């Protein structure tokens, strides 16, 4: 008997496509989830090593024009519109957000798409960085979102009552 259950579709959004810590983390998740149960789609800024490695493994990637680390209001608007379009097209069950920029833009776009997605934002900043999570980032999140803290050291930076809650 064939299993008729739908695969859970995860859209990962990450700002850069080099192969650093956060990118390696996304790569490991996307390539190690059971393909019978999950479909991974990665939206990323640039065309770097992460994109190449994922495509070699048969993972669908989507380049996000305008999604760059440096601030530029025109590119931020472009990136937001591209994220919004991709979320509408992909129709994910889960939107997994990495980095402050992808996190803020992605959370807001998912909300405006009116998808009942489970948003994850993984904070990778080292402990002791009080400016790592500015207040405007909270605007994209709502009561149904979950935040993953990689260590208890981040608890002073990432509030878990009100806007944010632990997973």
Foldseek 3Di string as FASTA:
>chain_A
DDDPDDAAEEEEEEQAQECDDVLVVVLCVQLPDPPVRYAYEYEYADCYDSVVVCVVSVHHYHYQALRHDDDDPVSLVSNLVSLLVVCLVRVGQEYEYEALSSQQSNLQSCVVNVRPHAYEYEDDDDQPPQVRDDPSSLVSAAPRYEYDYPDPSCPVNDPQPHSYNHD
